[in-house]
Protein backbone atom coordinates (compact mmCIF):
# COMPACT_ATOMS: atom_id res chain seq x y z
CA MET A 1 1.55 27.59 -42.40
CA ASN A 2 -1.34 25.56 -40.90
CA GLN A 3 -3.55 27.36 -38.51
CA ASP A 4 -3.52 24.49 -36.00
CA SER A 5 0.33 24.39 -35.64
CA ILE A 6 2.55 27.14 -34.03
CA GLU A 7 6.11 27.35 -34.99
CA ASP A 8 8.44 26.94 -32.01
CA PRO A 9 11.56 29.34 -32.38
CA HIS A 10 13.65 27.53 -29.84
CA GLN A 11 13.60 24.05 -31.33
CA GLY A 12 12.63 24.66 -34.98
CA ARG A 13 9.75 22.27 -34.65
CA SER A 14 6.00 22.72 -34.83
CA GLN A 15 3.82 21.99 -32.01
CA ASN A 16 0.08 21.17 -31.73
CA PRO A 17 -1.46 23.40 -29.07
CA GLY A 18 -4.15 20.86 -28.35
CA GLY A 19 -1.66 17.95 -28.02
CA ASN A 20 -0.14 16.70 -24.88
CA SER A 21 3.34 18.11 -24.74
CA ASN A 22 4.01 16.76 -21.27
CA SER A 23 3.89 13.07 -22.39
CA THR A 24 7.00 10.94 -22.02
CA ILE A 25 7.22 10.51 -25.82
CA ALA A 26 6.96 14.25 -26.64
CA ALA A 27 9.10 15.53 -23.83
CA ALA A 28 12.61 15.81 -25.03
CA ASP A 29 15.45 18.11 -23.83
CA ARG A 30 17.61 20.33 -26.37
CA ALA A 31 20.00 17.31 -26.93
CA GLY A 32 17.20 15.20 -28.26
CA ARG A 33 17.06 12.77 -25.26
CA VAL A 34 13.71 11.44 -24.37
CA ALA A 35 12.83 11.70 -20.61
CA LEU A 36 12.04 8.50 -18.91
CA PRO A 37 9.09 8.13 -16.60
CA LYS A 38 9.65 8.69 -12.86
CA PRO A 39 10.32 5.38 -11.11
CA HIS A 40 7.67 4.53 -8.43
CA SER A 41 8.76 4.05 -4.83
CA LEU A 42 8.36 0.58 -3.03
CA PHE A 43 6.94 2.43 -0.10
CA ARG A 44 3.70 2.62 -2.27
CA TYR A 45 3.25 -1.17 -1.75
CA ALA A 46 4.27 -1.29 1.95
CA PRO A 47 0.69 -1.50 3.40
CA ALA A 48 -0.18 -4.51 1.06
CA LEU A 49 3.16 -6.12 1.94
CA LEU A 50 2.64 -5.81 5.73
CA LEU A 51 -0.89 -7.24 5.40
CA LEU A 52 0.41 -10.23 3.44
CA VAL A 53 3.27 -10.98 5.87
CA ALA A 54 0.73 -10.51 8.87
CA GLY A 55 -1.67 -12.92 7.13
CA VAL A 56 0.96 -15.59 6.35
CA ALA A 57 2.30 -15.30 9.97
CA ASP A 58 -1.20 -15.61 11.41
CA SER A 59 -2.03 -18.56 9.29
CA MET A 60 0.78 -20.60 10.92
CA GLN A 61 -0.83 -20.02 14.41
CA SER A 62 -3.06 -22.55 16.09
CA ALA A 63 -5.36 -21.86 19.03
CA ASP A 64 -4.64 -23.05 22.36
CA ALA A 65 -6.51 -26.32 23.29
CA ASP A 66 -7.77 -24.65 26.54
CA LEU A 67 -8.75 -21.28 24.89
CA TRP A 68 -12.36 -21.41 25.96
CA GLY A 69 -11.24 -22.26 29.53
CA HIS A 70 -9.23 -19.18 29.64
CA VAL A 71 -12.15 -17.11 28.35
CA ARG A 72 -14.49 -18.66 30.85
CA PHE A 73 -11.92 -17.96 33.78
CA GLY A 74 -11.58 -14.37 32.49
CA GLN A 75 -15.40 -13.92 32.54
CA VAL A 76 -15.55 -15.21 36.12
CA MET A 77 -12.83 -12.95 37.28
CA LEU A 78 -14.43 -9.89 35.62
CA GLY A 79 -17.83 -10.82 37.05
CA THR A 80 -16.65 -11.27 40.66
CA GLY A 81 -13.90 -8.66 40.60
CA HIS A 82 -11.36 -11.17 42.18
CA LEU A 83 -8.62 -13.49 41.08
CA ILE A 84 -9.41 -17.10 41.06
CA ARG A 85 -7.21 -18.93 43.58
CA ALA A 86 -8.51 -22.43 42.88
CA ASP A 87 -9.70 -24.35 39.80
CA ILE A 88 -13.45 -24.07 39.95
CA PHE A 89 -14.15 -25.90 36.78
CA SER A 90 -12.28 -29.13 37.78
CA TYR A 91 -14.07 -32.30 38.90
């Protein structure tokens, strides 16, 4: 008997103590069936999928033609502390 191998009394096979007995190829039950790897959950990819969906949805948006007018009105309202009743930026 080789010094590196140890006889397994339960399965009648020799095992290498330095080898990886937890690998998919080496892991077999008593009937000789090989264990398949555990399937990965799709929840693992959920953050990337959400970012992709948000990016695609946002790329279809266009800015309002009067966006900077709305920003300027908001700045004036914040600066004065009052709502604007009349259009102060018209001719």
